Amino acid sequence: MSNPAAQPPHSNRRYYASRVKESLTGRATKCICSFFLTLLLIGAVVAFVLWLSLRPHRPRFHIEQFSIPGIKQDGGFQNTVITFNLTIRNPNQNIGIFYDQMEAQVYYRETLFGVTALGPPFYQGPKNTTVVASRINGTPLPGDNPVWQMVLADRFTGTVVFRLDITAEVRSKVAAIYNGRRDHTMHVDCQVEVGPDGVILPRSVDRRCPVYFY
């Protein structure tokens, strides 16, 4: 029988050379994997920091004034002028907002009382507040109209609820980068409570309006 310990010296050299080669290959593979994992980690950290700094927030709409004095009448809704103003706040640190088109509609329940465009397009910079004021010539309602009868019933309780809807086409500007395409259609839903005199009630003043995008 042959003795394993007596194998030729060149066999040992091949064995150890093979082990060294495998060790070097393993180390190289580990180094490459570590390098790419480090790059991935750095990229993830940079992306997270950018997301924190550029994280977009929706603009904030607050109703400040609303008046529809025509509901004081008893023979129908004839004086149809509706006046209102609201504030628009851009809470973003590095994102500006372009408002290309804005339109306001006033509803009582599901009945449209009036609609108007809200001025020319404008740009709102970061951390900026804009006041928008307007008036609407609403649709008259005769005294025997069922909708007017519902208004009178609500007026008798002391509170008439209207809905001021705002729609706008908005675009964004991130830092010095201008995004020229139309990003979103924005919808703002402001519930406004007025008293028997048609003037906004204190509990509705400075009320924040929900904002939706689609």
N, C-alpha and C. Protein backbone atom coordinates (compact mmCIF):
# COMPACT_ATOMS: atom_id res chain seq x y z
N MET A 1 0.86 -1.20 0.00
CA MET A 1 0.00 0.00 0.00
C MET A 1 0.89 1.24 0.00
N SER A 2 0.41 2.25 -0.70
CA SER A 2 1.20 3.49 -0.77
C SER A 2 0.91 4.34 0.43
N ASN A 3 1.87 5.08 0.83
CA ASN A 3 1.74 5.97 1.98
C ASN A 3 1.39 7.37 1.49
N PRO A 4 0.19 7.97 1.97
CA PRO A 4 -0.18 9.32 1.49
C PRO A 4 0.85 10.36 1.84
N ALA A 5 1.54 10.12 2.95
CA ALA A 5 2.53 11.13 3.36
C ALA A 5 3.71 11.17 2.44
N ALA A 6 3.81 10.09 1.62
CA ALA A 6 4.97 10.02 0.74
C ALA A 6 4.67 10.46 -0.67
N GLN A 7 3.56 11.24 -0.84
CA GLN A 7 3.23 11.71 -2.18
C GLN A 7 4.33 12.64 -2.68
N PRO A 8 4.49 12.74 -3.99
CA PRO A 8 5.54 13.59 -4.56
C PRO A 8 5.37 15.05 -4.16
N PRO A 9 6.48 15.74 -4.00
CA PRO A 9 6.41 17.16 -3.57
C PRO A 9 5.61 18.03 -4.53
N HIS A 10 5.65 17.74 -5.85
CA HIS A 10 4.94 18.62 -6.78
C HIS A 10 3.43 18.54 -6.57
N SER A 11 2.89 17.46 -6.02
CA SER A 11 1.45 17.37 -5.73
C SER A 11 1.07 18.37 -4.65
N ASN A 12 1.91 18.49 -3.63
CA ASN A 12 1.64 19.47 -2.58
C ASN A 12 1.67 20.89 -3.13
N ARG A 13 2.60 21.15 -4.05
CA ARG A 13 2.68 22.49 -4.62
C ARG A 13 1.41 22.83 -5.39
N ARG A 14 0.89 21.87 -6.16
CA ARG A 14 -0.36 22.12 -6.90
C ARG A 14 -1.53 22.35 -5.93
N TYR A 15 -1.54 21.61 -4.86
CA TYR A 15 -2.63 21.73 -3.88
C TYR A 15 -2.63 23.12 -3.24
N TYR A 16 -1.44 23.51 -2.77
CA TYR A 16 -1.37 24.82 -2.11
C TYR A 16 -1.59 25.98 -3.10
N ALA A 17 -1.15 25.82 -4.33
CA ALA A 17 -1.38 26.86 -5.34
C ALA A 17 -2.88 27.00 -5.61
N SER A 18 -3.56 25.85 -5.63
CA SER A 18 -5.01 25.90 -5.84
C SER A 18 -5.72 26.60 -4.68
N ARG A 19 -5.27 26.31 -3.45
CA ARG A 19 -5.89 26.96 -2.28
C ARG A 19 -5.63 28.45 -2.29
N VAL A 20 -4.42 28.85 -2.66
CA VAL A 20 -4.10 30.29 -2.72
C VAL A 20 -4.94 30.98 -3.77
N LYS A 21 -5.09 30.33 -4.92
CA LYS A 21 -5.91 30.90 -6.00
C LYS A 21 -7.36 31.08 -5.56
N GLU A 22 -7.90 30.04 -4.89
CA GLU A 22 -9.28 30.14 -4.41
C GLU A 22 -9.41 31.25 -3.38
N SER A 23 -8.42 31.40 -2.51
CA SER A 23 -8.45 32.45 -1.49
C SER A 23 -8.44 33.83 -2.12
N LEU A 24 -7.57 34.04 -3.13
CA LEU A 24 -7.50 35.33 -3.81
C LEU A 24 -8.79 35.65 -4.54
N THR A 25 -9.38 34.63 -5.19
CA THR A 25 -10.65 34.83 -5.90
C THR A 25 -11.76 35.21 -4.93
N GLY A 26 -11.79 34.52 -3.78
CA GLY A 26 -12.81 34.83 -2.78
C GLY A 26 -12.66 36.25 -2.24
N ARG A 27 -11.39 36.65 -1.99
CA ARG A 27 -11.16 38.01 -1.49
C ARG A 27 -11.55 39.06 -2.52
N ALA A 28 -11.22 38.81 -3.78
CA ALA A 28 -11.59 39.75 -4.83
C ALA A 28 -13.11 39.88 -4.95
N THR A 29 -13.79 38.74 -4.86
CA THR A 29 -15.25 38.76 -4.94
C THR A 29 -15.85 39.55 -3.78
N LYS A 30 -15.30 39.32 -2.57
CA LYS A 30 -15.78 40.06 -1.41
C LYS A 30 -15.54 41.55 -1.54
N CYS A 31 -14.38 41.91 -2.06
CA CYS A 31 -14.07 43.34 -2.24
C CYS A 31 -15.03 44.00 -3.23
N ILE A 32 -15.30 43.30 -4.33
CA ILE A 32 -16.22 43.85 -5.34
C ILE A 32 -17.62 44.01 -4.75
N CYS A 33 -18.06 42.97 -4.03
CA CYS A 33 -19.40 43.04 -3.42
C CYS A 33 -19.47 44.17 -2.39
N SER A 34 -18.41 44.30 -1.58
CA SER A 34 -18.39 45.37 -0.57
C SER A 34 -18.42 46.74 -1.24
N PHE A 35 -17.69 46.88 -2.36
CA PHE A 35 -17.66 48.15 -3.08
C PHE A 35 -19.05 48.55 -3.57
N PHE A 36 -19.73 47.59 -4.21
CA PHE A 36 -21.06 47.91 -4.74
C PHE A 36 -22.09 48.11 -3.63
N LEU A 37 -21.96 47.36 -2.54
CA LEU A 37 -22.87 47.57 -1.41
C LEU A 37 -22.66 48.95 -0.80
N THR A 38 -21.39 49.39 -0.74
CA THR A 38 -21.11 50.73 -0.22
C THR A 38 -21.70 51.80 -1.12
N LEU A 39 -21.54 51.63 -2.45
CA LEU A 39 -22.15 52.58 -3.38
C LEU A 39 -23.66 52.62 -3.23
N LEU A 40 -24.26 51.45 -3.08
CA LEU A 40 -25.70 51.37 -2.91
C LEU A 40 -26.15 52.08 -1.65
N LEU A 41 -25.41 51.89 -0.57
CA LEU A 41 -25.74 52.54 0.69
C LEU A 41 -25.61 54.05 0.58
N ILE A 42 -24.51 54.52 -0.05
CA ILE A 42 -24.33 55.97 -0.24
C ILE A 42 -25.46 56.54 -1.08
N GLY A 43 -25.83 55.83 -2.17
CA GLY A 43 -26.92 56.30 -3.01
C GLY A 43 -28.23 56.37 -2.27
N ALA A 44 -28.49 55.38 -1.41
CA ALA A 44 -29.72 55.38 -0.63
C ALA A 44 -29.75 56.55 0.35
N VAL A 45 -28.61 56.84 0.99
CA VAL A 45 -28.54 57.97 1.92
C VAL A 45 -28.76 59.29 1.20
N VAL A 46 -28.11 59.45 0.04
CA VAL A 46 -28.28 60.69 -0.75
C VAL A 46 -29.73 60.85 -1.19
N ALA A 47 -30.35 59.77 -1.66
CA ALA A 47 -31.75 59.83 -2.09
C ALA A 47 -32.66 60.19 -0.93
N PHE A 48 -32.38 59.65 0.26
CA PHE A 48 -33.20 59.95 1.43
C PHE A 48 -33.07 61.42 1.82
N VAL A 49 -31.83 61.94 1.79
CA VAL A 49 -31.62 63.35 2.13
C VAL A 49 -32.34 64.25 1.13
N LEU A 50 -32.25 63.92 -0.17
CA LEU A 50 -32.93 64.72 -1.19
C LEU A 50 -34.44 64.65 -1.00
N TRP A 51 -34.94 63.48 -0.66
CA TRP A 51 -36.39 63.34 -0.44
C TRP A 51 -36.85 64.19 0.73
N LEU A 52 -36.02 64.22 1.80
CA LEU A 52 -36.38 65.05 2.95
C LEU A 52 -36.39 66.53 2.60
N SER A 53 -35.40 66.95 1.78
CA SER A 53 -35.30 68.37 1.46
C SER A 53 -36.31 68.81 0.42
N LEU A 54 -36.72 67.89 -0.47
CA LEU A 54 -37.64 68.25 -1.55
C LEU A 54 -39.02 67.60 -1.40
N ARG A 55 -39.28 67.04 -0.23
CA ARG A 55 -40.55 66.34 -0.03
C ARG A 55 -41.71 67.31 -0.28
N PRO A 56 -42.54 67.04 -1.28
CA PRO A 56 -43.60 68.00 -1.63
C PRO A 56 -44.75 67.97 -0.63
N HIS A 57 -45.26 69.16 -0.34
CA HIS A 57 -46.45 69.32 0.50
C HIS A 57 -47.53 70.01 -0.33
N ARG A 58 -48.76 69.65 -0.08
CA ARG A 58 -49.86 70.28 -0.79
C ARG A 58 -50.03 71.73 -0.33
N PRO A 59 -50.42 72.62 -1.24
CA PRO A 59 -50.71 73.99 -0.81
C PRO A 59 -51.86 74.00 0.18
N ARG A 60 -51.89 75.00 1.03
CA ARG A 60 -52.91 75.09 2.08
C ARG A 60 -53.85 76.25 1.77
N PHE A 61 -55.12 75.94 1.68
CA PHE A 61 -56.16 76.93 1.41
C PHE A 61 -56.97 77.17 2.68
N HIS A 62 -57.17 78.45 3.01
CA HIS A 62 -58.00 78.82 4.16
C HIS A 62 -59.03 79.86 3.71
N ILE A 63 -60.27 79.62 4.05
CA ILE A 63 -61.33 80.58 3.72
C ILE A 63 -61.33 81.67 4.79
N GLU A 64 -61.24 82.92 4.37
CA GLU A 64 -61.16 84.04 5.31
C GLU A 64 -62.43 84.89 5.33
N GLN A 65 -63.07 85.05 4.18
CA GLN A 65 -64.26 85.90 4.11
C GLN A 65 -65.22 85.31 3.08
N PHE A 66 -66.51 85.36 3.42
CA PHE A 66 -67.53 84.86 2.50
C PHE A 66 -68.83 85.56 2.84
N SER A 67 -69.47 86.10 1.82
CA SER A 67 -70.71 86.84 2.07
C SER A 67 -71.68 86.61 0.91
N ILE A 68 -72.93 86.28 1.27
CA ILE A 68 -73.98 86.10 0.28
C ILE A 68 -75.25 86.75 0.86
N PRO A 69 -75.28 88.09 0.90
CA PRO A 69 -76.36 88.81 1.60
C PRO A 69 -77.74 88.58 1.01
N GLY A 70 -77.81 88.05 -0.20
CA GLY A 70 -79.11 87.86 -0.83
C GLY A 70 -80.02 86.89 -0.08
N ILE A 71 -79.45 86.05 0.78
CA ILE A 71 -80.32 85.09 1.48
C ILE A 71 -81.14 85.76 2.58
N LYS A 72 -80.88 87.05 2.85
CA LYS A 72 -81.72 87.76 3.83
C LYS A 72 -83.11 88.06 3.27
N GLN A 73 -83.26 87.98 1.96
CA GLN A 73 -84.53 88.30 1.32
C GLN A 73 -85.56 87.21 1.61
N ASP A 74 -86.83 87.58 1.51
CA ASP A 74 -87.91 86.63 1.76
C ASP A 74 -88.65 86.23 0.50
N GLY A 75 -88.55 87.02 -0.54
CA GLY A 75 -89.31 86.73 -1.75
C GLY A 75 -88.54 85.99 -2.82
N GLY A 76 -87.37 85.46 -2.47
CA GLY A 76 -86.55 84.77 -3.46
C GLY A 76 -85.14 85.32 -3.45
N PHE A 77 -84.28 84.64 -4.14
CA PHE A 77 -82.87 85.03 -4.19
C PHE A 77 -82.67 85.91 -5.41
N GLN A 78 -82.72 87.25 -5.19
CA GLN A 78 -82.61 88.20 -6.28
C GLN A 78 -81.24 88.89 -6.30
N ASN A 79 -80.78 89.37 -5.11
CA ASN A 79 -79.45 89.98 -5.03
C ASN A 79 -78.44 88.84 -4.96
N THR A 80 -77.87 88.50 -6.10
CA THR A 80 -77.11 87.25 -6.22
C THR A 80 -75.61 87.41 -6.05
N VAL A 81 -75.14 88.58 -5.63
CA VAL A 81 -73.70 88.80 -5.54
C VAL A 81 -73.12 88.01 -4.36
N ILE A 82 -72.08 87.26 -4.65
CA ILE A 82 -71.35 86.48 -3.63
C ILE A 82 -69.91 86.98 -3.62
N THR A 83 -69.40 87.38 -2.48
CA THR A 83 -68.01 87.82 -2.37
C THR A 83 -67.26 86.90 -1.41
N PHE A 84 -65.98 86.72 -1.68
CA PHE A 84 -65.18 85.86 -0.81
C PHE A 84 -63.71 86.18 -1.01
N ASN A 85 -62.91 85.80 -0.04
CA ASN A 85 -61.46 85.78 -0.22
C ASN A 85 -60.88 84.63 0.58
N LEU A 86 -59.76 84.15 0.11
CA LEU A 86 -59.08 83.03 0.77
C LEU A 86 -57.59 83.21 0.65
N THR A 87 -56.86 82.53 1.51
CA THR A 87 -55.41 82.57 1.46
C THR A 87 -54.89 81.23 0.96
N ILE A 88 -53.83 81.30 0.16
CA ILE A 88 -53.16 80.10 -0.36
C ILE A 88 -51.73 80.13 0.16
N ARG A 89 -51.36 79.11 0.89
CA ARG A 89 -50.02 79.02 1.47
C ARG A 89 -49.23 77.90 0.80
N ASN A 90 -48.02 78.22 0.32
CA ASN A 90 -47.11 77.20 -0.20
C ASN A 90 -46.14 76.84 0.92
N PRO A 91 -46.31 75.68 1.55
CA PRO A 91 -45.46 75.34 2.71
C PRO A 91 -44.11 74.73 2.34
N ASN A 92 -43.84 74.53 1.05
CA ASN A 92 -42.62 73.85 0.64
C ASN A 92 -41.40 74.75 0.78
N GLN A 93 -40.28 74.12 1.10
CA GLN A 93 -39.03 74.85 1.29
C GLN A 93 -38.34 75.15 -0.03
N ASN A 94 -38.42 74.25 -1.00
CA ASN A 94 -37.67 74.41 -2.25
C ASN A 94 -38.53 74.25 -3.50
N ILE A 95 -39.83 74.19 -3.36
CA ILE A 95 -40.71 73.95 -4.49
C ILE A 95 -41.66 75.14 -4.67
N GLY A 96 -41.62 75.75 -5.85
CA GLY A 96 -42.57 76.79 -6.21
C GLY A 96 -43.72 76.19 -7.00
N ILE A 97 -44.84 76.90 -7.04
CA ILE A 97 -46.05 76.39 -7.70
C ILE A 97 -46.57 77.42 -8.69
N PHE A 98 -46.83 76.98 -9.93
CA PHE A 98 -47.49 77.79 -10.93
C PHE A 98 -48.97 77.41 -10.98
N TYR A 99 -49.83 78.39 -10.85
CA TYR A 99 -51.27 78.19 -10.99
C TYR A 99 -51.67 78.71 -12.36
N ASP A 100 -51.89 77.81 -13.31
CA ASP A 100 -52.18 78.21 -14.68
C ASP A 100 -53.62 78.67 -14.87
N GLN A 101 -54.55 77.96 -14.30
CA GLN A 101 -55.97 78.31 -14.42
C GLN A 101 -56.63 78.03 -13.09
N MET A 102 -57.43 79.00 -12.63
CA MET A 102 -58.18 78.78 -11.40
C MET A 102 -59.63 79.20 -11.63
N GLU A 103 -60.52 78.39 -11.10
CA GLU A 103 -61.94 78.67 -11.25
C GLU A 103 -62.64 78.38 -9.93
N ALA A 104 -63.58 79.23 -9.56
CA ALA A 104 -64.34 79.07 -8.32
C ALA A 104 -65.81 78.81 -8.64
N GLN A 105 -66.40 77.89 -7.92
CA GLN A 105 -67.82 77.58 -8.04
C GLN A 105 -68.43 77.57 -6.65
N VAL A 106 -69.63 78.11 -6.54
CA VAL A 106 -70.34 78.12 -5.26
C VAL A 106 -71.59 77.25 -5.39
N TYR A 107 -71.72 76.31 -4.46
CA TYR A 107 -72.85 75.40 -4.45
C TYR A 107 -73.63 75.54 -3.14
N TYR A 108 -74.94 75.38 -3.24
CA TYR A 108 -75.76 75.11 -2.06
C TYR A 108 -76.29 73.70 -2.23
N ARG A 109 -75.86 72.82 -1.35
CA ARG A 109 -76.11 71.40 -1.54
C ARG A 109 -75.59 71.00 -2.93
N GLU A 110 -76.45 70.53 -3.81
CA GLU A 110 -75.97 70.15 -5.14
C GLU A 110 -76.34 71.17 -6.22
N THR A 111 -76.84 72.32 -5.81
CA THR A 111 -77.25 73.35 -6.75
C THR A 111 -76.13 74.37 -6.95
N LEU A 112 -75.74 74.57 -8.20
CA LEU A 112 -74.70 75.54 -8.52
C LEU A 112 -75.29 76.94 -8.49
N PHE A 113 -74.73 77.80 -7.64
CA PHE A 113 -75.20 79.18 -7.53
C PHE A 113 -74.43 80.11 -8.46
N GLY A 114 -73.18 79.81 -8.76
CA GLY A 114 -72.41 80.69 -9.62
C GLY A 114 -71.00 80.18 -9.83
N VAL A 115 -70.35 80.72 -10.85
CA VAL A 115 -68.98 80.31 -11.19
C VAL A 115 -68.22 81.52 -11.72
N THR A 116 -66.90 81.56 -11.46
CA THR A 116 -66.08 82.65 -11.96
C THR A 116 -64.62 82.20 -12.07
N ALA A 117 -63.89 82.82 -13.00
CA ALA A 117 -62.44 82.59 -13.10
C ALA A 117 -61.75 83.44 -12.04
N LEU A 118 -60.66 82.92 -11.48
CA LEU A 118 -59.94 83.63 -10.42
C LEU A 118 -58.67 84.27 -10.98
N GLY A 119 -58.85 85.33 -11.72
CA GLY A 119 -57.73 86.14 -12.16
C GLY A 119 -56.79 85.44 -13.13
N PRO A 120 -55.68 86.10 -13.48
CA PRO A 120 -54.69 85.53 -14.41
C PRO A 120 -53.83 84.49 -13.71
N PRO A 121 -53.09 83.66 -14.49
CA PRO A 121 -52.16 82.70 -13.89
C PRO A 121 -51.11 83.42 -13.05
N PHE A 122 -50.60 82.74 -12.03
CA PHE A 122 -49.57 83.36 -11.18
C PHE A 122 -48.65 82.28 -10.63
N TYR A 123 -47.49 82.74 -10.18
CA TYR A 123 -46.49 81.86 -9.58
C TYR A 123 -46.38 82.17 -8.09
N GLN A 124 -46.30 81.12 -7.29
CA GLN A 124 -46.15 81.28 -5.85
C GLN A 124 -44.86 80.62 -5.41
N GLY A 125 -43.95 81.42 -4.87
CA GLY A 125 -42.66 80.89 -4.44
C GLY A 125 -42.76 80.07 -3.17
N PRO A 126 -41.66 79.40 -2.81
CA PRO A 126 -41.66 78.61 -1.58
C PRO A 126 -41.91 79.48 -0.34
N LYS A 127 -42.58 78.89 0.63
CA LYS A 127 -42.87 79.57 1.90
C LYS A 127 -43.54 80.92 1.67
N ASN A 128 -44.54 80.94 0.80
CA ASN A 128 -45.19 82.18 0.43
C ASN A 128 -46.70 82.04 0.60
N THR A 129 -47.35 83.17 0.93
CA THR A 129 -48.81 83.18 1.08
C THR A 129 -49.42 84.20 0.12
N THR A 130 -50.46 83.78 -0.59
CA THR A 130 -51.14 84.63 -1.56
C THR A 130 -52.60 84.77 -1.16
N VAL A 131 -53.12 85.99 -1.24
CA VAL A 131 -54.54 86.24 -0.96
C VAL A 131 -55.29 86.36 -2.29
N VAL A 132 -56.35 85.60 -2.43
CA VAL A 132 -57.18 85.62 -3.63
C VAL A 132 -58.58 86.09 -3.23
N ALA A 133 -59.04 87.15 -3.85
CA ALA A 133 -60.38 87.69 -3.57
C ALA A 133 -61.16 87.76 -4.88
N SER A 134 -62.46 87.52 -4.79
CA SER A 134 -63.27 87.56 -6.00
C SER A 134 -64.74 87.72 -5.64
N ARG A 135 -65.55 87.86 -6.68
CA ARG A 135 -66.99 87.95 -6.50
C ARG A 135 -67.67 87.18 -7.63
N ILE A 136 -68.85 86.69 -7.33
CA ILE A 136 -69.61 85.90 -8.28
C ILE A 136 -71.02 86.47 -8.36
N ASN A 137 -71.51 86.64 -9.57
CA ASN A 137 -72.92 86.97 -9.77
C ASN A 137 -73.69 85.67 -9.93
N GLY A 138 -74.40 85.33 -8.86
CA GLY A 138 -75.08 84.04 -8.83
C GLY A 138 -76.36 84.01 -9.65
N THR A 139 -76.97 82.85 -9.66
CA THR A 139 -78.21 82.63 -10.40
C THR A 139 -79.41 82.97 -9.51
N PRO A 140 -80.30 83.86 -9.95
CA PRO A 140 -81.49 84.19 -9.14
C PRO A 140 -82.39 82.97 -8.96
N LEU A 141 -83.10 82.95 -7.82
CA LEU A 141 -84.07 81.90 -7.54
C LEU A 141 -85.40 82.54 -7.15
N PRO A 142 -86.50 82.20 -7.81
CA PRO A 142 -87.80 82.74 -7.41
C PRO A 142 -88.24 82.18 -6.06
N GLY A 143 -89.16 82.88 -5.43
CA GLY A 143 -89.59 82.49 -4.09
C GLY A 143 -90.23 81.12 -4.00
N ASP A 144 -90.80 80.63 -5.09
CA ASP A 144 -91.45 79.32 -5.05
C ASP A 144 -90.52 78.18 -5.47
N ASN A 145 -89.25 78.49 -5.71
CA ASN A 145 -88.30 77.46 -6.10
C ASN A 145 -88.00 76.55 -4.90
N PRO A 146 -88.04 75.22 -5.07
CA PRO A 146 -87.77 74.32 -3.94
C PRO A 146 -86.41 74.54 -3.28
N VAL A 147 -85.40 74.90 -4.08
CA VAL A 147 -84.08 75.15 -3.50
C VAL A 147 -84.13 76.35 -2.58
N TRP A 148 -84.83 77.39 -3.01
CA TRP A 148 -84.96 78.58 -2.16
C TRP A 148 -85.70 78.25 -0.86
N GLN A 149 -86.68 77.39 -0.95
CA GLN A 149 -87.40 76.98 0.25
C GLN A 149 -86.48 76.24 1.23
N MET A 150 -85.54 75.45 0.71
CA MET A 150 -84.58 74.78 1.57
C MET A 150 -83.62 75.79 2.21
N VAL A 151 -83.24 76.83 1.44
CA VAL A 151 -82.39 77.88 1.99
C VAL A 151 -83.11 78.57 3.15
N LEU A 152 -84.38 78.87 2.98
CA LEU A 152 -85.16 79.51 4.04
C LEU A 152 -85.25 78.62 5.27
N ALA A 153 -85.43 77.33 5.06
CA ALA A 153 -85.51 76.41 6.20
C ALA A 153 -84.19 76.38 6.97
N ASP A 154 -83.06 76.36 6.24
CA ASP A 154 -81.75 76.39 6.91
C ASP A 154 -81.52 77.73 7.59
N ARG A 155 -81.95 78.80 6.95
CA ARG A 155 -81.79 80.14 7.54
C ARG A 155 -82.53 80.23 8.87
N PHE A 156 -83.67 79.59 8.95
CA PHE A 156 -84.47 79.61 10.19
C PHE A 156 -83.71 78.93 11.33
N THR A 157 -82.87 77.91 11.01
CA THR A 157 -82.08 77.24 12.05
C THR A 157 -80.86 78.05 12.47
N GLY A 158 -80.51 79.07 11.68
CA GLY A 158 -79.38 79.93 12.01
C GLY A 158 -78.11 79.65 11.24
N THR A 159 -78.10 78.60 10.42
CA THR A 159 -76.89 78.24 9.67
C THR A 159 -77.25 77.75 8.28
N VAL A 160 -76.67 78.38 7.27
CA VAL A 160 -76.82 77.92 5.89
C VAL A 160 -75.42 77.53 5.41
N VAL A 161 -75.27 76.32 4.91
CA VAL A 161 -73.96 75.80 4.50
C VAL A 161 -73.82 75.88 2.98
N PHE A 162 -72.77 76.56 2.52
CA PHE A 162 -72.43 76.61 1.11
C PHE A 162 -71.10 75.89 0.90
N ARG A 163 -70.82 75.55 -0.33
CA ARG A 163 -69.55 74.92 -0.68
C ARG A 163 -68.86 75.75 -1.75
N LEU A 164 -67.66 76.19 -1.43
CA LEU A 164 -66.83 76.92 -2.38
C LEU A 164 -65.82 75.94 -2.96
N ASP A 165 -65.97 75.62 -4.24
CA ASP A 165 -65.07 74.69 -4.92
C ASP A 165 -64.08 75.48 -5.76
N ILE A 166 -62.80 75.12 -5.62
CA ILE A 166 -61.74 75.74 -6.42
C ILE A 166 -61.08 74.64 -7.25
N THR A 167 -60.94 74.86 -8.54
CA THR A 167 -60.17 73.95 -9.38
C THR A 167 -59.04 74.75 -10.04
N ALA A 168 -57.90 74.10 -10.21
CA ALA A 168 -56.74 74.78 -10.80
C ALA A 168 -55.84 73.77 -11.48
N GLU A 169 -55.18 74.22 -12.55
CA GLU A 169 -54.11 73.45 -13.19
C GLU A 169 -52.79 73.97 -12.63
N VAL A 170 -52.00 73.08 -12.04
CA VAL A 170 -50.79 73.52 -11.36
C VAL A 170 -49.56 72.84 -11.94
N ARG A 171 -48.44 73.56 -11.91
CA ARG A 171 -47.13 73.05 -12.30
C ARG A 171 -46.15 73.37 -11.17
N SER A 172 -45.01 72.71 -11.17
CA SER A 172 -44.06 72.89 -10.08
C SER A 172 -42.71 73.38 -10.59
N LYS A 173 -41.98 74.03 -9.69
CA LYS A 173 -40.61 74.47 -9.96
C LYS A 173 -39.77 74.07 -8.76
N VAL A 174 -38.88 73.10 -8.97
CA VAL A 174 -38.03 72.60 -7.89
C VAL A 174 -36.69 73.32 -7.95
N ALA A 175 -36.40 74.11 -6.91
CA ALA A 175 -35.18 74.91 -6.85
C ALA A 175 -35.07 75.73 -8.15
N ALA A 176 -34.01 75.52 -8.93
CA ALA A 176 -33.83 76.29 -10.17
C ALA A 176 -34.33 75.53 -11.39
N ILE A 177 -34.97 74.39 -11.17
CA ILE A 177 -35.42 73.55 -12.28
C ILE A 177 -36.89 73.82 -12.52
N TYR A 178 -37.22 74.25 -13.70
CA TYR A 178 -38.61 74.55 -14.05
C TYR A 178 -39.25 73.37 -14.73
N ASN A 179 -40.36 72.92 -14.21
CA ASN A 179 -41.11 71.83 -14.82
C ASN A 179 -42.22 72.44 -15.66
N GLY A 180 -42.03 72.51 -16.96
CA GLY A 180 -42.96 73.23 -17.82
C GLY A 180 -44.23 72.49 -18.16
N ARG A 181 -44.29 71.22 -17.90
CA ARG A 181 -45.49 70.49 -18.26
C ARG A 181 -46.57 70.68 -17.20
N ARG A 182 -47.80 70.43 -17.55
CA ARG A 182 -48.89 70.51 -16.61
C ARG A 182 -48.85 69.28 -15.72
N ASP A 183 -48.70 69.47 -14.42
CA ASP A 183 -48.53 68.34 -13.51
C ASP A 183 -49.87 67.74 -13.09
N HIS A 184 -50.72 68.54 -12.50
CA HIS A 184 -51.93 68.01 -11.89
C HIS A 184 -53.09 69.00 -12.04
N THR A 185 -54.27 68.44 -11.93
CA THR A 185 -55.45 69.26 -11.71
C THR A 185 -55.76 69.20 -10.22
N MET A 186 -55.84 70.35 -9.60
CA MET A 186 -56.07 70.44 -8.16
C MET A 186 -57.52 70.81 -7.89
N HIS A 187 -58.08 70.19 -6.87
CA HIS A 187 -59.45 70.48 -6.46
C HIS A 187 -59.46 70.83 -4.97
N VAL A 188 -60.11 71.95 -4.63
CA VAL A 188 -60.20 72.41 -3.25
C VAL A 188 -61.67 72.49 -2.86
N ASP A 189 -61.99 71.95 -1.71
CA ASP A 189 -63.38 71.85 -1.26
C ASP A 189 -63.53 72.60 0.06
N CYS A 190 -64.13 73.81 0.02
CA CYS A 190 -64.29 74.63 1.23
C CYS A 190 -65.75 74.63 1.66
N GLN A 191 -66.02 74.09 2.83
CA GLN A 191 -67.36 74.16 3.41
C GLN A 191 -67.48 75.46 4.21
N VAL A 192 -68.47 76.27 3.87
CA VAL A 192 -68.61 77.59 4.49
C VAL A 192 -70.00 77.69 5.14
N GLU A 193 -70.01 78.04 6.41
CA GLU A 193 -71.26 78.24 7.13
C GLU A 193 -71.52 79.74 7.26
N VAL A 194 -72.71 80.17 6.87
CA VAL A 194 -73.09 81.57 7.01
C VAL A 194 -74.32 81.66 7.89
N GLY A 195 -74.49 82.84 8.50
CA GLY A 195 -75.64 83.08 9.34
C GLY A 195 -76.84 83.57 8.54
N PRO A 196 -77.96 83.89 9.21
CA PRO A 196 -79.16 84.37 8.50
C PRO A 196 -78.92 85.65 7.69
N ASP A 197 -77.87 86.40 8.05
CA ASP A 197 -77.55 87.62 7.29
C ASP A 197 -76.67 87.34 6.08
N GLY A 198 -76.29 86.08 5.88
CA GLY A 198 -75.46 85.72 4.73
C GLY A 198 -73.98 85.93 4.93
N VAL A 199 -73.54 86.30 6.15
CA VAL A 199 -72.13 86.55 6.42
C VAL A 199 -71.52 85.31 7.09
N ILE A 200 -70.30 85.00 6.71
CA ILE A 200 -69.61 83.82 7.24
C ILE A 200 -69.62 83.83 8.76
N LEU A 201 -69.90 82.68 9.36
CA LEU A 201 -69.89 82.54 10.81
C LEU A 201 -68.45 82.42 11.31
N PRO A 202 -68.19 82.90 12.54
CA PRO A 202 -66.80 82.88 13.06
C PRO A 202 -66.15 81.51 13.03
N ARG A 203 -66.92 80.44 13.24
CA ARG A 203 -66.32 79.11 13.26
C ARG A 203 -65.82 78.66 11.89
N SER A 204 -66.26 79.35 10.83
CA SER A 204 -65.78 79.00 9.48
C SER A 204 -64.60 79.85 9.03
N VAL A 205 -64.34 80.95 9.76
CA VAL A 205 -63.24 81.83 9.37
C VAL A 205 -61.91 81.13 9.62
N ASP A 206 -61.02 81.21 8.64
CA ASP A 206 -59.69 80.60 8.69
C ASP A 206 -59.77 79.08 8.71
N ARG A 207 -60.87 78.55 8.25
CA ARG A 207 -61.00 77.09 8.17
C ARG A 207 -60.15 76.57 7.02
N ARG A 208 -59.41 75.51 7.28
CA ARG A 208 -58.57 74.91 6.24
C ARG A 208 -59.41 74.02 5.34
N CYS A 209 -59.21 74.17 4.04
CA CYS A 209 -60.00 73.44 3.05
C CYS A 209 -59.22 72.21 2.57
N PRO A 210 -59.86 71.06 2.48
CA PRO A 210 -59.20 69.87 1.92
C PRO A 210 -58.77 70.11 0.47
N VAL A 211 -57.58 69.58 0.12
CA VAL A 211 -57.03 69.73 -1.23
C VAL A 211 -56.79 68.33 -1.81
N TYR A 212 -57.24 68.14 -3.05
CA TYR A 212 -57.09 66.86 -3.74
C TYR A 212 -56.44 67.08 -5.09
N PHE A 213 -55.73 66.06 -5.58
CA PHE A 213 -55.14 66.10 -6.91
C PHE A 213 -55.63 64.90 -7.71
N TYR A 214 -55.83 65.13 -9.00
CA TYR A 214 -56.22 64.02 -9.88
C TYR A 214 -55.75 64.30 -11.29
